[in-house]
């Protein structure tokens, strides 16, 4: 069994994830038998939080098995895929909630949206997000976006002695608390939708994979695509934020504030890298 390098590195960060990785061979044998699967080699690109090989079902149907490592942001991926039910995500074929195991529709040819120019990506991402944004009926399991920003704030505060610009970081932390409370609408968000998590498909031109659902402000969902267009964002932050906000039909200022907050105060492994702080200053100016 091979393990992608990024996944292995992430699993080494906590004892719980290390234990999950150690138990993976046993889990695979169980699922292979229970779901009558023929496993291929796991995908390596874009794979940092899950072990995910292509598989064939007993009748030959192609699918993907996905086993997510213990991960705060991905706790409700299975519930999100059930809620969206293939519109516009991959379909969930089987799931074991206790194991965090999913058997999902395989996108074919499966080319990532990264393969097309970024201005085209903007249009596709915007169209997908507008389709994803629905309010789940109560009661539901999904956590508020404030739970994510509170978790991030705790991680960042634990590194306070490493902050390169305490003023900027504290301003970002303040927005992490304020913005979820002032959202003009609360819908189910993907929170991690970027061009690597959108694949070419036969059922639809593009389908979403790997959602990390939280309920909250639609303007937040613009940010992951913005950060994945880093060169354009650094070159003209106001222009790109204005373009994406316009395509999404959300408030430009809220997108700007969310993008600033993430650049300034999101937890990171290396606080000595000044790129994010430079971006935060550019967005703030």
C-alpha atoms as a PDB file:
ATOM      1  CA  UNK A   1       0.000   0.000   0.000  1.00  0.00           C
ATOM      2  CA  UNK A   2       1.475   3.331  -1.058  1.00  0.00           C
ATOM      3  CA  UNK A   3       0.680   6.561   0.775  1.00  0.00           C
ATOM      4  CA  UNK A   4       0.931   9.971  -0.945  1.00  0.00           C
ATOM      5  CA  UNK A   5       3.711  12.105   0.549  1.00  0.00           C
ATOM      6  CA  UNK A   6       1.466  15.001   1.573  1.00  0.00           C
ATOM      7  CA  UNK A   7      -0.960  12.652   3.312  1.00  0.00           C
ATOM      8  CA  UNK A   8       1.871  10.906   5.163  1.00  0.00           C
ATOM      9  CA  UNK A   9       3.276  14.265   6.283  1.00  0.00           C
ATOM     10  CA  UNK A  10      -0.107  15.420   7.579  1.00  0.00           C
ATOM     11  CA  UNK A  11      -0.652  12.147   9.424  1.00  0.00           C
ATOM     12  CA  UNK A  12       2.642  12.538  11.260  1.00  0.00           C
ATOM     13  CA  UNK A  13       1.415  15.774  12.870  1.00  0.00           C
ATOM     14  CA  UNK A  14      -0.852  14.162  15.495  1.00  0.00           C
ATOM     15  CA  UNK A  15      -1.056  10.804  17.307  1.00  0.00           C
ATOM     16  CA  UNK A  16      -4.670  10.370  16.216  1.00  0.00           C
ATOM     17  CA  UNK A  17      -3.808  10.693  12.551  1.00  0.00           C
ATOM     18  CA  UNK A  18      -0.818   8.382  12.943  1.00  0.00           C
ATOM     19  CA  UNK A  19      -3.107   5.757  14.485  1.00  0.00           C
ATOM     20  CA  UNK A  20      -5.569   6.248  11.623  1.00  0.00           C
ATOM     21  CA  UNK A  21      -2.817   5.647   9.077  1.00  0.00           C
ATOM     22  CA  UNK A  22      -1.594   2.552  10.933  1.00  0.00           C
ATOM     23  CA  UNK A  23      -5.120   1.090  10.858  1.00  0.00           C
ATOM     24  CA  UNK A  24      -5.621   1.864   7.156  1.00  0.00           C
ATOM     25  CA  UNK A  25      -4.589  -1.582   5.772  1.00  0.00           C
ATOM     26  CA  UNK A  26      -7.135  -3.338   8.017  1.00  0.00           C
ATOM     27  CA  UNK A  27      -9.834  -0.804   7.080  1.00  0.00           C
ATOM     28  CA  UNK A  28      -9.133  -1.315   3.390  1.00  0.00           C
ATOM     29  CA  UNK A  29      -9.393  -5.087   3.623  1.00  0.00           C
ATOM     30  CA  UNK A  30     -12.755  -4.738   5.382  1.00  0.00           C
ATOM     31  CA  UNK A  31     -14.175  -2.297   2.812  1.00  0.00           C
ATOM     32  CA  UNK A  32     -12.771  -4.225  -0.140  1.00  0.00           C
ATOM     33  CA  UNK A  33     -14.663  -7.309   1.056  1.00  0.00           C
ATOM     34  CA  UNK A  34     -17.813  -5.548   2.216  1.00  0.00           C
ATOM     35  CA  UNK A  35     -18.307  -3.415  -0.902  1.00  0.00           C
ATOM     36  CA  UNK A  36     -16.855  -5.992  -3.362  1.00  0.00           C
ATOM     37  CA  UNK A  37     -14.175  -3.649  -4.692  1.00  0.00           C
ATOM     38  CA  UNK A  38     -11.154  -4.040  -6.930  1.00  0.00           C
ATOM     39  CA  UNK A  39      -8.673  -1.361  -5.833  1.00  0.00           C
ATOM     40  CA  UNK A  40      -6.221   0.582  -7.971  1.00  0.00           C
ATOM     41  CA  UNK A  41      -3.258   2.711  -6.896  1.00  0.00           C
ATOM     42  CA  UNK A  42      -4.233   5.831  -4.913  1.00  0.00           C
ATOM     43  CA  UNK A  43      -4.345   9.242  -6.502  1.00  0.00           C
ATOM     44  CA  UNK A  44      -1.392  11.432  -5.522  1.00  0.00           C
ATOM     45  CA  UNK A  45      -2.240  14.855  -6.950  1.00  0.00           C
ATOM     46  CA  UNK A  46      -4.300  17.125  -4.667  1.00  0.00           C
ATOM     47  CA  UNK A  47      -4.237  14.359  -2.028  1.00  0.00           C
ATOM     48  CA  UNK A  48      -3.241  15.656   1.386  1.00  0.00           C
ATOM     49  CA  UNK A  49      -6.099  14.640   3.692  1.00  0.00           C
ATOM     50  CA  UNK A  50      -7.389  11.328   2.323  1.00  0.00           C
ATOM     51  CA  UNK A  51      -6.348   7.985   0.861  1.00  0.00           C
ATOM     52  CA  UNK A  52      -8.313   7.728  -2.377  1.00  0.00           C
ATOM     53  CA  UNK A  53      -7.825   5.055  -5.060  1.00  0.00           C
ATOM     54  CA  UNK A  54      -9.912   4.407  -8.164  1.00  0.00           C
ATOM     55  CA  UNK A  55     -11.929   1.213  -7.762  1.00  0.00           C
ATOM     56  CA  UNK A  56     -14.165  -1.063  -9.784  1.00  0.00           C
ATOM     57  CA  UNK A  57     -17.460  -2.315  -8.342  1.00  0.00           C
ATOM     58  CA  UNK A  58     -18.578  -5.918  -8.706  1.00  0.00           C
ATOM     59  CA  UNK A  59     -20.416  -5.078 -11.949  1.00  0.00           C
ATOM     60  CA  UNK A  60     -17.382  -3.211 -13.336  1.00  0.00           C
ATOM     61  CA  UNK A  61     -18.707   0.286 -12.639  1.00  0.00           C
ATOM     62  CA  UNK A  62     -15.809   2.712 -12.016  1.00  0.00           C
ATOM     63  CA  UNK A  63     -15.850   4.604  -8.722  1.00  0.00           C
ATOM     64  CA  UNK A  64     -13.486   6.122  -6.170  1.00  0.00           C
ATOM     65  CA  UNK A  65     -12.952   4.972  -2.594  1.00  0.00           C
ATOM     66  CA  UNK A  66     -12.131   7.820  -0.242  1.00  0.00           C
ATOM     67  CA  UNK A  67     -10.912   7.438   3.325  1.00  0.00           C
ATOM     68  CA  UNK A  68     -10.430  10.780   5.037  1.00  0.00           C
ATOM     69  CA  UNK A  69      -7.929  11.196   7.856  1.00  0.00           C
ATOM     70  CA  UNK A  70      -9.202  12.750  11.119  1.00  0.00           C
ATOM     71  CA  UNK A  71      -9.592  16.373  10.096  1.00  0.00           C
ATOM     72  CA  UNK A  72     -11.625  19.125  11.754  1.00  0.00           C
ATOM     73  CA  UNK A  73     -12.668  20.772   8.498  1.00  0.00           C
ATOM     74  CA  UNK A  74     -13.776  17.563   6.774  1.00  0.00           C
ATOM     75  CA  UNK A  75     -15.967  16.048   9.495  1.00  0.00           C
ATOM     76  CA  UNK A  76     -19.241  16.456   7.570  1.00  0.00           C
ATOM     77  CA  UNK A  77     -18.150  15.733   4.007  1.00  0.00           C
ATOM     78  CA  UNK A  78     -20.365  12.633   3.852  1.00  0.00           C
ATOM     79  CA  UNK A  79     -23.378  14.612   5.087  1.00  0.00           C
ATOM     80  CA  UNK A  80     -22.661  17.344   2.551  1.00  0.00           C
ATOM     81  CA  UNK A  81     -22.525  14.905  -0.355  1.00  0.00           C
ATOM     82  CA  UNK A  82     -25.836  13.431   0.786  1.00  0.00           C
ATOM     83  CA  UNK A  83     -27.378  16.905   0.973  1.00  0.00           C
ATOM     84  CA  UNK A  84     -26.168  18.063  -2.454  1.00  0.00           C
ATOM     85  CA  UNK A  85     -26.919  14.623  -3.968  1.00  0.00           C
ATOM     86  CA  UNK A  86     -24.854  15.112  -7.111  1.00  0.00           C
ATOM     87  CA  UNK A  87     -25.958  18.697  -7.797  1.00  0.00           C
ATOM     88  CA  UNK A  88     -23.257  19.817  -8.571  1.00  0.00           C
ATOM     89  CA  UNK A  89     -21.055  17.401  -6.602  1.00  0.00           C
ATOM     90  CA  UNK A  90     -19.966  13.843  -7.261  1.00  0.00           C
ATOM     91  CA  UNK A  91     -22.611  11.370  -6.125  1.00  0.00           C
ATOM     92  CA  UNK A  92     -22.182   9.368  -2.944  1.00  0.00           C
ATOM     93  CA  UNK A  93     -22.682   5.673  -3.722  1.00  0.00           C
ATOM     94  CA  UNK A  94     -21.940   4.134  -0.302  1.00  0.00           C
ATOM     95  CA  UNK A  95     -20.658   5.418   3.008  1.00  0.00           C
ATOM     96  CA  UNK A  96     -19.531   4.268   6.436  1.00  0.00           C
ATOM     97  CA  UNK A  97     -19.953   7.282   8.695  1.00  0.00           C
ATOM     98  CA  UNK A  98     -17.994   5.746  11.568  1.00  0.00           C
ATOM     99  CA  UNK A  99     -14.951   5.100   9.382  1.00  0.00           C
ATOM    100  CA  UNK A 100     -15.291   8.295   7.354  1.00  0.00           C
ATOM    101  CA  UNK A 101     -15.273   6.037   4.281  1.00  0.00           C
ATOM    102  CA  UNK A 102     -16.971   7.010   1.035  1.00  0.00           C
ATOM    103  CA  UNK A 103     -17.561   5.273  -2.242  1.00  0.00           C
ATOM    104  CA  UNK A 104     -18.143   8.070  -4.728  1.00  0.00           C
ATOM    105  CA  UNK A 105     -18.869   8.572  -8.407  1.00  0.00           C
ATOM    106  CA  UNK A 106     -15.747   8.630 -10.538  1.00  0.00           C
ATOM    107  CA  UNK A 107     -15.386  11.628 -12.817  1.00  0.00           C
ATOM    108  CA  UNK A 108     -14.234  10.694 -16.297  1.00  0.00           C
ATOM    109  CA  UNK A 109     -11.988  11.843 -17.850  1.00  0.00           C
ATOM    110  CA  UNK A 110     -11.377  13.508 -14.472  1.00  0.00           C
ATOM    111  CA  UNK A 111      -9.238  16.396 -15.715  1.00  0.00           C
ATOM    112  CA  UNK A 112      -8.929  19.084 -13.029  1.00  0.00           C
ATOM    113  CA  UNK A 113     -10.232  22.580 -13.711  1.00  0.00           C
ATOM    114  CA  UNK A 114      -6.634  23.742 -13.152  1.00  0.00           C
ATOM    115  CA  UNK A 115      -5.991  22.700 -16.770  1.00  0.00           C
ATOM    116  CA  UNK A 116      -7.943  25.675 -18.149  1.00  0.00           C
ATOM    117  CA  UNK A 117      -6.887  29.360 -17.948  1.00  0.00           C
ATOM    118  CA  UNK A 118      -7.730  31.099 -14.685  1.00  0.00           C
ATOM    119  CA  UNK A 119     -10.261  33.563 -16.162  1.00  0.00           C
ATOM    120  CA  UNK A 120     -12.255  30.522 -17.358  1.00  0.00           C
ATOM    121  CA  UNK A 121     -11.855  28.949 -13.926  1.00  0.00           C
ATOM    122  CA  UNK A 122     -13.486  32.057 -12.435  1.00  0.00           C
ATOM    123  CA  UNK A 123     -16.658  31.461 -14.443  1.00  0.00           C
ATOM    124  CA  UNK A 124     -16.883  27.760 -13.620  1.00  0.00           C
ATOM    125  CA  UNK A 125     -16.183  28.217  -9.900  1.00  0.00           C
ATOM    126  CA  UNK A 126     -18.762  30.998  -9.647  1.00  0.00           C
ATOM    127  CA  UNK A 127     -21.416  28.909 -11.374  1.00  0.00           C
ATOM    128  CA  UNK A 128     -20.771  25.907  -9.125  1.00  0.00           C
ATOM    129  CA  UNK A 129     -20.803  27.937  -5.922  1.00  0.00           C
ATOM    130  CA  UNK A 130     -24.116  29.566  -6.788  1.00  0.00           C
ATOM    131  CA  UNK A 131     -25.592  26.074  -7.221  1.00  0.00           C
ATOM    132  CA  UNK A 132     -24.120  24.803  -3.952  1.00  0.00           C
ATOM    133  CA  UNK A 133     -25.491  27.635  -1.837  1.00  0.00           C
ATOM    134  CA  UNK A 134     -28.706  26.276  -0.337  1.00  0.00           C
ATOM    135  CA  UNK A 135     -29.984  26.439   3.224  1.00  0.00           C
ATOM    136  CA  UNK A 136     -30.256  22.967   4.790  1.00  0.00           C
ATOM    137  CA  UNK A 137     -33.551  22.403   6.608  1.00  0.00           C
ATOM    138  CA  UNK A 138     -33.487  22.231  10.391  1.00  0.00           C
ATOM    139  CA  UNK A 139     -32.484  20.174  12.208  1.00  0.00           C
ATOM    140  CA  UNK A 140     -29.150  19.434  10.534  1.00  0.00           C
ATOM    141  CA  UNK A 141     -25.652  18.372  11.597  1.00  0.00           C
ATOM    142  CA  UNK A 142     -23.671  21.095   9.873  1.00  0.00           C
ATOM    143  CA  UNK A 143     -21.555  23.428  12.004  1.00  0.00           C
ATOM    144  CA  UNK A 144     -21.649  27.222  11.662  1.00  0.00           C
ATOM    145  CA  UNK A 145     -18.744  28.912   9.897  1.00  0.00           C
ATOM    146  CA  UNK A 146     -17.962  30.523  13.256  1.00  0.00           C
ATOM    147  CA  UNK A 147     -16.821  27.100  14.499  1.00  0.00           C
ATOM    148  CA  UNK A 148     -14.141  27.041  11.810  1.00  0.00           C
ATOM    149  CA  UNK A 149     -12.938  30.604  12.419  1.00  0.00           C
ATOM    150  CA  UNK A 150     -12.896  29.986  16.187  1.00  0.00           C
ATOM    151  CA  UNK A 151     -10.783  26.863  15.656  1.00  0.00           C
ATOM    152  CA  UNK A 152      -8.394  28.752  13.391  1.00  0.00           C
ATOM    153  CA  UNK A 153      -8.165  31.596  15.900  1.00  0.00           C
ATOM    154  CA  UNK A 154      -7.148  29.173  18.640  1.00  0.00           C
ATOM    155  CA  UNK A 155      -4.429  27.710  16.433  1.00  0.00           C
ATOM    156  CA  UNK A 156      -3.125  31.162  15.542  1.00  0.00           C
ATOM    157  CA  UNK A 157      -3.169  32.402  19.135  1.00  0.00           C
ATOM    158  CA  UNK A 158      -1.045  29.428  20.165  1.00  0.00           C
ATOM    159  CA  UNK A 159       1.715  30.843  17.904  1.00  0.00           C
ATOM    160  CA  UNK A 160       1.504  34.415  19.193  1.00  0.00           C
ATOM    161  CA  UNK A 161       5.263  34.684  19.786  1.00  0.00           C
ATOM    162  CA  UNK A 162       5.891  33.902  16.093  1.00  0.00           C
ATOM    163  CA  UNK A 163       3.650  36.566  14.561  1.00  0.00           C
ATOM    164  CA  UNK A 164       5.605  38.887  12.236  1.00  0.00           C
ATOM    165  CA  UNK A 165       3.036  41.712  12.512  1.00  0.00           C
ATOM    166  CA  UNK A 166       0.874  41.506  15.627  1.00  0.00           C
ATOM    167  CA  UNK A 167      -1.326  44.406  14.557  1.00  0.00           C
ATOM    168  CA  UNK A 168      -2.330  42.777  11.291  1.00  0.00           C
ATOM    169  CA  UNK A 169      -2.877  39.372  12.887  1.00  0.00           C
ATOM    170  CA  UNK A 170      -5.083  40.789  15.623  1.00  0.00           C
ATOM    171  CA  UNK A 171      -7.110  42.728  13.039  1.00  0.00           C
ATOM    172  CA  UNK A 172      -7.647  39.470  11.141  1.00  0.00           C
ATOM    173  CA  UNK A 173      -8.640  37.648  14.329  1.00  0.00           C
ATOM    174  CA  UNK A 174     -11.175  40.369  15.048  1.00  0.00           C
ATOM    175  CA  UNK A 175     -12.744  39.822  11.636  1.00  0.00           C
ATOM    176  CA  UNK A 176     -12.825  36.053  12.222  1.00  0.00           C
ATOM    177  CA  UNK A 177     -15.132  36.800  15.148  1.00  0.00           C
ATOM    178  CA  UNK A 178     -17.144  39.628  13.586  1.00  0.00           C
ATOM    179  CA  UNK A 179     -17.830  38.448  10.034  1.00  0.00           C
ATOM    180  CA  UNK A 180     -19.735  35.224  10.860  1.00  0.00           C
ATOM    181  CA  UNK A 181     -22.042  37.233  13.135  1.00  0.00           C
ATOM    182  CA  UNK A 182     -22.934  39.780  10.445  1.00  0.00           C
ATOM    183  CA  UNK A 183     -23.594  37.454   7.507  1.00  0.00           C
ATOM    184  CA  UNK A 184     -26.516  38.623   5.358  1.00  0.00           C
ATOM    185  CA  UNK A 185     -27.429  34.982   4.625  1.00  0.00           C
ATOM    186  CA  UNK A 186     -26.481  31.541   5.886  1.00  0.00           C
ATOM    187  CA  UNK A 187     -26.147  28.750   3.341  1.00  0.00           C
ATOM    188  CA  UNK A 188     -24.231  25.491   3.118  1.00  0.00           C
ATOM    189  CA  UNK A 189     -20.715  26.355   1.985  1.00  0.00           C
ATOM    190  CA  UNK A 190     -18.089  24.193   0.298  1.00  0.00           C
ATOM    191  CA  UNK A 191     -15.321  26.261   2.051  1.00  0.00           C
ATOM    192  CA  UNK A 192     -12.536  24.605  -0.013  1.00  0.00           C
ATOM    193  CA  UNK A 193     -13.708  25.036  -3.586  1.00  0.00           C
ATOM    194  CA  UNK A 194     -10.800  25.702  -5.933  1.00  0.00           C
ATOM    195  CA  UNK A 195      -9.779  24.493  -9.367  1.00  0.00           C
ATOM    196  CA  UNK A 196      -8.095  21.364  -8.001  1.00  0.00           C
ATOM    197  CA  UNK A 197     -11.388  20.241  -6.458  1.00  0.00           C
ATOM    198  CA  UNK A 198     -13.415  20.517  -9.671  1.00  0.00           C
ATOM    199  CA  UNK A 199     -13.140  17.683 -12.210  1.00  0.00           C
ATOM    200  CA  UNK A 200     -14.256  17.197 -15.789  1.00  0.00           C
ATOM    201  CA  UNK A 201     -17.099  14.664 -15.992  1.00  0.00           C
ATOM    202  CA  UNK A 202     -19.409  13.003 -18.488  1.00  0.00           C
ATOM    203  CA  UNK A 203     -22.563  13.512 -16.425  1.00  0.00           C
ATOM    204  CA  UNK A 204     -21.928  17.271 -16.262  1.00  0.00           C
ATOM    205  CA  UNK A 205     -19.099  19.367 -17.683  1.00  0.00           C
ATOM    206  CA  UNK A 206     -17.656  19.880 -14.178  1.00  0.00           C
ATOM    207  CA  UNK A 207     -18.354  18.326 -10.771  1.00  0.00           C
ATOM    208  CA  UNK A 208     -17.231  19.323  -7.279  1.00  0.00           C
ATOM    209  CA  UNK A 209     -15.189  16.954  -5.112  1.00  0.00           C
ATOM    210  CA  UNK A 210     -13.913  17.265  -1.531  1.00  0.00           C
ATOM    211  CA  UNK A 211     -16.386  19.746  -0.009  1.00  0.00           C
ATOM    212  CA  UNK A 212     -15.834  20.743   3.627  1.00  0.00           C
ATOM    213  CA  UNK A 213     -19.322  21.900   4.623  1.00  0.00           C
ATOM    214  CA  UNK A 214     -20.107  24.666   7.088  1.00  0.00           C
ATOM    215  CA  UNK A 215     -23.164  26.921   7.221  1.00  0.00           C
ATOM    216  CA  UNK A 216     -22.454  30.614   6.857  1.00  0.00           C
ATOM    217  CA  UNK A 217     -21.719  33.685   4.754  1.00  0.00           C
ATOM    218  CA  UNK A 218     -21.632  33.067   0.971  1.00  0.00           C
ATOM    219  CA  UNK A 219     -18.928  35.734   0.600  1.00  0.00           C
ATOM    220  CA  UNK A 220     -16.508  33.470   2.472  1.00  0.00           C
ATOM    221  CA  UNK A 221     -16.701  30.843  -0.266  1.00  0.00           C
ATOM    222  CA  UNK A 222     -15.004  33.190  -2.734  1.00  0.00           C
ATOM    223  CA  UNK A 223     -11.749  33.108  -0.816  1.00  0.00           C
ATOM    224  CA  UNK A 224     -10.311  29.671  -1.605  1.00  0.00           C
ATOM    225  CA  UNK A 225     -10.388  30.280  -5.350  1.00  0.00           C
ATOM    226  CA  UNK A 226      -8.828  33.711  -4.805  1.00  0.00           C
ATOM    227  CA  UNK A 227      -5.931  32.227  -2.841  1.00  0.00           C
ATOM    228  CA  UNK A 228      -5.426  29.583  -5.516  1.00  0.00           C
ATOM    229  CA  UNK A 229      -5.009  32.370  -8.079  1.00  0.00           C
ATOM    230  CA  UNK A 230      -2.144  33.802  -6.054  1.00  0.00           C
ATOM    231  CA  UNK A 231      -0.241  35.656  -8.781  1.00  0.00           C
ATOM    232  CA  UNK A 232      -3.358  37.454 -10.010  1.00  0.00           C
ATOM    233  CA  UNK A 233      -4.443  38.236  -6.461  1.00  0.00           C
ATOM    234  CA  UNK A 234      -1.079  39.748  -5.530  1.00  0.00           C
ATOM    235  CA  UNK A 235      -0.882  41.714  -8.782  1.00  0.00           C
ATOM    236  CA  UNK A 236      -4.337  43.312  -8.455  1.00  0.00           C
ATOM    237  CA  UNK A 237      -6.164  42.312  -5.261  1.00  0.00           C
ATOM    238  CA  UNK A 238      -8.949  44.872  -5.627  1.00  0.00           C
ATOM    239  CA  UNK A 239      -9.586  44.032  -9.277  1.00  0.00           C
ATOM    240  CA  UNK A 240      -9.715  40.261  -8.776  1.00  0.00           C
ATOM    241  CA  UNK A 241     -11.841  40.490  -5.634  1.00  0.00           C
ATOM    242  CA  UNK A 242     -14.231  42.818  -7.484  1.00  0.00           C
ATOM    243  CA  UNK A 243     -14.443  40.379 -10.431  1.00  0.00           C
ATOM    244  CA  UNK A 244     -15.131  37.281  -8.322  1.00  0.00           C
ATOM    245  CA  UNK A 245     -17.630  39.072  -6.077  1.00  0.00           C
ATOM    246  CA  UNK A 246     -19.465  40.283  -9.179  1.00  0.00           C
ATOM    247  CA  UNK A 247     -19.593  36.811 -10.721  1.00  0.00           C
ATOM    248  CA  UNK A 248     -20.949  35.403  -7.450  1.00  0.00           C
ATOM    249  CA  UNK A 249     -23.396  38.235  -6.790  1.00  0.00           C
ATOM    250  CA  UNK A 250     -22.052  38.800  -3.269  1.00  0.00           C
ATOM    251  CA  UNK A 251     -20.857  41.914  -1.472  1.00  0.00           C
ATOM    252  CA  UNK A 252     -17.362  42.893  -2.641  1.00  0.00           C
ATOM    253  CA  UNK A 253     -16.395  44.428   0.705  1.00  0.00           C
ATOM    254  CA  UNK A 254     -17.248  41.248   2.579  1.00  0.00           C
ATOM    255  CA  UNK A 255     -15.138  39.212   0.160  1.00  0.00           C
ATOM    256  CA  UNK A 256     -12.275  41.681   0.696  1.00  0.00           C
ATOM    257  CA  UNK A 257     -12.565  41.442   4.479  1.00  0.00           C
ATOM    258  CA  UNK A 258     -12.692  37.647   4.458  1.00  0.00           C
ATOM    259  CA  UNK A 259      -9.663  37.490   2.161  1.00  0.00           C
ATOM    260  CA  UNK A 260      -7.742  39.916   4.370  1.00  0.00           C
ATOM    261  CA  UNK A 261      -8.649  37.980   7.527  1.00  0.00           C
ATOM    262  CA  UNK A 262      -7.406  34.715   6.074  1.00  0.00           C
ATOM    263  CA  UNK A 263      -4.183  36.243   4.753  1.00  0.00           C
ATOM    264  CA  UNK A 264      -3.465  37.944   8.083  1.00  0.00           C
ATOM    265  CA  UNK A 265      -4.656  35.456  10.693  1.00  0.00           C
ATOM    266  CA  UNK A 266      -5.185  31.967   9.290  1.00  0.00           C
ATOM    267  CA  UNK A 267      -2.932  29.424  11.075  1.00  0.00           C
ATOM    268  CA  UNK A 268       0.172  28.339   9.183  1.00  0.00           C
ATOM    269  CA  UNK A 269       3.196  26.120   9.625  1.00  0.00           C
ATOM    270  CA  UNK A 270       5.683  28.894   8.878  1.00  0.00           C
ATOM    271  CA  UNK A 271       5.030  32.395  10.208  1.00  0.00           C
ATOM    272  CA  UNK A 272       8.413  33.564   8.929  1.00  0.00           C
ATOM    273  CA  UNK A 273       7.136  33.446   5.330  1.00  0.00           C
ATOM    274  CA  UNK A 274       6.053  37.044   4.708  1.00  0.00           C
ATOM    275  CA  UNK A 275       4.025  36.407   1.516  1.00  0.00           C
ATOM    276  CA  UNK A 276       0.687  36.204   3.350  1.00  0.00           C
ATOM    277  CA  UNK A 277       1.416  39.319   5.392  1.00  0.00           C
ATOM    278  CA  UNK A 278       2.403  41.215   2.253  1.00  0.00           C
ATOM    279  CA  UNK A 279      -0.870  40.133   0.657  1.00  0.00           C
ATOM    280  CA  UNK A 280      -2.824  41.217   3.742  1.00  0.00           C
ATOM    281  CA  UNK A 281      -1.188  44.663   3.577  1.00  0.00           C
ATOM    282  CA  UNK A 282      -2.011  44.953  -0.132  1.00  0.00           C
ATOM    283  CA  UNK A 283      -5.640  44.018   0.463  1.00  0.00           C
ATOM    284  CA  UNK A 284      -5.904  46.458   3.364  1.00  0.00           C
ATOM    285  CA  UNK A 285      -4.440  49.394   1.426  1.00  0.00           C
END
